[in-house]
Protein backbone atom coordinates (compact mmCIF):
# COMPACT_ATOMS: atom_id res chain seq x y z
CA MET A 1 -0.10 -0.03 0.10
CA THR A 2 1.31 3.38 -0.68
CA TRP A 3 1.86 6.21 1.70
CA PHE A 4 -1.08 8.02 0.57
CA GLY A 5 -3.35 4.73 1.02
CA ARG A 6 -2.29 4.20 4.49
CA CYS A 7 -2.81 7.86 5.34
CA ARG A 8 -6.36 8.00 3.84
CA SER A 9 -7.04 4.52 5.56
CA SER A 10 -5.74 6.18 8.87
CA ALA A 11 -7.95 8.94 8.43
CA LEU A 12 -10.87 7.18 7.63
CA THR A 13 -10.25 4.93 10.64
CA PHE A 14 -9.80 7.92 12.96
CA ALA A 15 -12.88 9.71 11.33
CA LEU A 16 -14.94 6.68 12.28
CA VAL A 17 -13.17 5.79 15.47
CA CYS A 18 -12.76 9.58 17.37
CA PRO A 19 -16.84 10.38 17.28
CA VAL A 20 -17.42 7.29 19.05
CA LEU A 21 -14.59 7.53 21.62
CA LEU A 22 -16.07 11.09 22.13
CA ALA A 23 -19.68 10.12 22.57
CA GLN A 24 -18.84 7.67 25.02
CA ALA A 25 -17.47 10.29 27.85
CA PRO A 26 -20.76 12.15 28.52
CA GLN A 27 -22.68 8.79 28.20
CA GLU A 28 -20.31 7.03 30.97
CA GLU A 29 -21.04 9.98 33.59
CA LYS A 30 -24.72 10.51 32.71
CA PRO A 31 -25.73 7.27 34.70
CA VAL A 32 -23.67 8.17 37.61
CA VAL A 33 -25.41 11.71 38.06
CA HIS A 34 -28.80 9.84 37.10
CA THR A 35 -28.35 7.26 39.70
CA GLY A 36 -27.43 10.18 42.12
CA ALA A 37 -30.54 12.04 41.32
CA GLU A 38 -32.56 8.93 42.10
CA LEU A 39 -30.87 8.39 45.43
CA PHE A 40 -31.55 11.93 46.23
CA GLN A 41 -35.24 10.99 45.88
CA SER A 42 -35.25 7.38 47.19
CA SER A 43 -32.90 8.11 50.24
CA GLY A 44 -34.92 10.56 51.70
CA CYS A 45 -32.95 13.73 51.05
CA THR A 46 -35.85 15.77 49.82
CA HIS A 47 -37.50 15.12 53.38
CA CYS A 48 -35.11 17.99 54.40
CA HIS A 49 -33.50 19.48 51.27
CA MET A 50 -35.00 21.39 48.53
CA MET A 51 -33.65 20.74 45.19
CA ASN A 52 -34.95 22.91 42.10
CA GLY A 53 -38.18 24.34 43.74
CA GLU A 54 -39.19 20.76 45.16
CA GLY A 55 -38.50 19.01 48.71
CA GLY A 56 -38.19 19.97 52.34
CA THR A 57 -36.89 23.01 54.15
CA LYS A 58 -35.71 21.55 57.26
CA GLY A 59 -32.18 21.81 55.80
CA PRO A 60 -30.52 24.00 53.19
CA ASP A 61 -31.67 24.40 49.73
CA LEU A 62 -29.31 22.40 47.63
CA SER A 63 -30.08 23.79 43.90
CA GLY A 64 -26.77 25.48 43.58
CA VAL A 65 -24.61 23.55 46.05
CA GLY A 66 -22.33 22.47 43.36
CA ARG A 67 -21.38 26.26 43.06
CA ARG A 68 -20.87 26.84 46.31
CA LEU A 69 -18.93 23.63 47.54
CA LYS A 70 -16.11 21.60 46.16
CA PRO A 71 -16.91 17.69 45.60
CA GLU A 72 -14.96 16.90 48.64
CA ALA A 73 -16.63 18.75 51.16
CA ILE A 74 -19.98 17.62 49.68
CA LYS A 75 -18.69 14.03 50.37
CA ILE A 76 -17.66 14.84 53.87
CA GLN A 77 -20.84 16.26 54.68
CA ILE A 78 -22.82 13.23 53.36
CA GLN A 79 -20.53 10.73 55.16
CA GLN A 80 -20.16 12.70 58.49
CA GLY A 81 -23.18 14.96 58.93
CA LYS A 82 -23.35 18.10 60.45
CA GLY A 83 -25.59 20.17 62.79
CA ALA A 84 -29.39 18.67 62.42
CA MET A 85 -28.13 16.39 59.46
CA PRO A 86 -27.31 12.74 60.57
CA PRO A 87 -24.04 11.08 58.87
CA PHE A 88 -24.96 8.60 56.12
CA GLN A 89 -21.44 6.91 55.98
CA ASP A 90 -23.10 3.64 57.51
CA ALA A 91 -26.44 3.93 55.65
CA LEU A 92 -24.97 4.42 52.16
CA SER A 93 -22.12 2.54 50.01
CA ASP A 94 -19.40 4.29 48.80
CA ASP A 95 -20.61 3.96 45.29
CA GLU A 96 -23.94 5.69 46.42
CA ILE A 97 -22.13 8.46 48.22
CA ASN A 98 -20.13 9.00 44.98
CA ALA A 99 -23.23 9.19 42.88
CA LEU A 100 -24.84 11.76 45.23
CA VAL A 101 -21.71 13.85 45.27
CA ARG A 102 -21.47 14.06 41.33
CA TYR A 103 -25.43 14.78 41.19
CA LEU A 104 -25.09 17.46 43.61
CA GLU A 105 -21.73 18.71 42.05
CA LYS A 106 -23.81 19.41 39.03
CA ALA A 107 -26.40 21.28 40.86
CA ARG A 108 -25.21 24.79 39.90
CA SER A 109 -28.35 27.06 39.84
CA LYS A 110 -28.08 30.73 41.07
CA LYS A 111 -30.15 30.25 44.23
């Protein structure tokens, strides 16, 4: 095969594979954020916390928490609790806590 043929073949392969690789990155994160959103509902977070206009008022509104706190601070708050918030370290798995953190990190509304 000539140099031109190899380059054309490589370019075609790159053109076909690159969009597939780029499309996979957001799709891999989406389920984690979606899982976090489901956990926020099913774990009872909405009993105390409001998110996007829905939920309780015992705790702070978390609609913009991703703008205010870094992911590590959110994780520590979930694990250890603070003030009236109980710790959830023993109630949730590490994967569940990480999913909640990713969901809350994405919460960036200006509230």
